[in-house]
Amino acid sequence: MEKNKIEKVKEEFEKEPNSVEMHINRIPTHAHSSFKELANELFAGDYGMTLTYLIWREDLRSEFYQEYSRLEARIDELEKELSNMKDFVSNKLGNKDEEDKGSINTIG
């Protein structure tokens, strides 16, 4: 299965042999190291082929977007919970204020 994806990348490169130069800044050290390792392991250090390979890895992209969607849904849930907690505290404080006002107006 992995071999088919590599062959697909090679075919794509052969279709469009023109290349451009690209510089990337602000790459985390671990990502840079992992990218270089992958390039050396699969493509004899060819960064262009490695980048193309990663772009064509639809399974990685779909996994990323699935995780992103899951995290987005979880954030929405937490925001609702926080809102409910704020409402609860606000109501409790509001009721406490009303009780305090009532006790001021009554004697004994």
Protein backbone atom coordinates (compact mmCIF):
# COMPACT_ATOMS: atom_id res chain seq x y z
CA MET A 1 0.00 0.00 0.00
CA GLU A 2 2.79 2.43 0.93
CA LYS A 3 4.60 1.57 -2.29
CA ASN A 4 1.59 2.61 -4.40
CA LYS A 5 1.54 6.06 -2.82
CA ILE A 6 5.24 6.53 -3.47
CA GLU A 7 4.77 5.46 -7.09
CA LYS A 8 1.90 7.96 -7.42
CA VAL A 9 4.18 10.77 -6.21
CA LYS A 10 6.93 9.74 -8.63
CA GLU A 11 4.46 9.72 -11.53
CA GLU A 12 3.22 13.18 -10.56
CA PHE A 13 6.77 14.49 -10.50
CA GLU A 14 7.45 13.04 -13.93
CA LYS A 15 4.35 14.78 -15.35
CA GLU A 16 5.54 18.17 -14.14
CA PRO A 17 9.33 18.23 -14.12
CA ASN A 18 9.56 22.01 -13.67
CA SER A 19 10.38 22.94 -10.14
CA VAL A 20 10.50 26.07 -8.05
CA GLU A 21 12.55 27.00 -5.05
CA MET A 22 10.86 27.41 -1.69
CA HIS A 23 12.10 28.51 1.73
CA ILE A 24 10.14 27.75 4.87
CA ASN A 25 10.66 29.59 8.15
CA ARG A 26 9.53 28.87 11.70
CA ILE A 27 9.51 25.08 11.62
CA PRO A 28 9.54 23.40 15.04
CA THR A 29 12.77 21.49 15.61
CA HIS A 30 11.05 18.12 15.98
CA ALA A 31 9.06 18.64 12.75
CA HIS A 32 12.23 19.62 10.88
CA SER A 33 14.05 16.54 12.15
CA SER A 34 11.13 14.24 11.32
CA PHE A 35 10.82 15.73 7.83
CA LYS A 36 14.53 15.25 7.14
CA GLU A 37 14.38 11.65 8.42
CA LEU A 38 11.40 10.91 6.18
CA ALA A 39 13.13 12.52 3.19
CA ASN A 40 16.27 10.47 3.77
CA GLU A 41 14.35 7.26 4.43
CA LEU A 42 11.97 7.37 1.45
CA PHE A 43 13.48 9.73 -1.12
CA ALA A 44 17.24 9.80 -0.59
CA GLY A 45 17.04 13.26 0.97
CA ASP A 46 14.90 14.81 -1.80
CA TYR A 47 12.79 17.36 0.11
CA GLY A 48 10.64 18.20 -2.91
CA MET A 49 9.59 14.57 -3.34
CA THR A 50 8.97 14.30 0.37
CA LEU A 51 6.77 17.38 0.42
CA THR A 52 4.85 16.15 -2.62
CA TYR A 53 4.42 12.76 -0.99
CA LEU A 54 3.02 14.32 2.17
CA ILE A 55 0.64 16.50 0.17
CA TRP A 56 -0.68 13.46 -1.66
CA ARG A 57 -1.26 11.56 1.58
CA GLU A 58 -5.01 12.07 1.71
CA ASP A 59 -5.31 9.72 4.66
CA LEU A 60 -3.12 12.03 6.74
CA ARG A 61 -5.17 15.06 5.76
CA SER A 62 -8.47 13.36 6.51
CA GLU A 63 -7.11 12.16 9.86
CA PHE A 64 -6.05 15.72 10.67
CA TYR A 65 -9.44 17.16 9.71
CA GLN A 66 -11.28 14.46 11.68
CA GLU A 67 -9.23 15.27 14.77
CA TYR A 68 -9.73 18.99 14.17
CA SER A 69 -13.50 18.50 13.92
CA ARG A 70 -13.52 16.38 17.07
CA LEU A 71 -11.60 19.05 18.97
CA GLU A 72 -13.88 21.78 17.63
CA ALA A 73 -16.95 19.86 18.83
CA ARG A 74 -15.34 19.35 22.25
CA ILE A 75 -14.58 23.07 22.52
CA ASP A 76 -18.24 23.82 21.72
CA GLU A 77 -19.33 21.41 24.47
CA LEU A 78 -16.97 23.02 26.98
CA GLU A 79 -18.19 26.51 26.03
CA LYS A 80 -21.80 25.40 26.67
CA GLU A 81 -20.82 23.88 30.01
CA LEU A 82 -19.01 27.06 30.99
CA SER A 83 -22.00 29.15 29.98
CA ASN A 84 -24.29 26.92 32.05
CA MET A 85 -21.96 27.24 35.03
CA LYS A 86 -21.89 31.02 34.68
CA ASP A 87 -25.69 31.12 34.53
CA PHE A 88 -25.92 28.86 37.57
CA VAL A 89 -23.51 31.00 39.61
CA SER A 90 -25.19 34.17 38.45
CA ASN A 91 -28.59 32.83 39.47
CA LYS A 92 -27.28 31.69 42.85
CA LEU A 93 -25.68 35.08 43.48
CA GLY A 94 -28.88 36.79 42.33
CA ASN A 95 -30.96 34.68 44.73
CA LYS A 96 -28.50 35.39 47.55
CA ASP A 97 -28.85 39.14 46.91
CA GLU A 98 -32.63 38.83 47.03
CA GLU A 99 -32.44 36.89 50.31
CA ASP A 100 -30.14 39.54 51.75
CA LYS A 101 -32.50 42.31 50.68
CA GLY A 102 -35.42 40.47 52.23
CA SER A 103 -33.63 40.00 55.54
CA ILE A 104 -32.79 43.72 55.72
CA ASN A 105 -36.44 44.66 55.44
CA THR A 106 -37.59 42.30 58.18
CA ILE A 107 -36.96 42.55 61.86
CA GLY A 108 -36.37 39.58 64.11
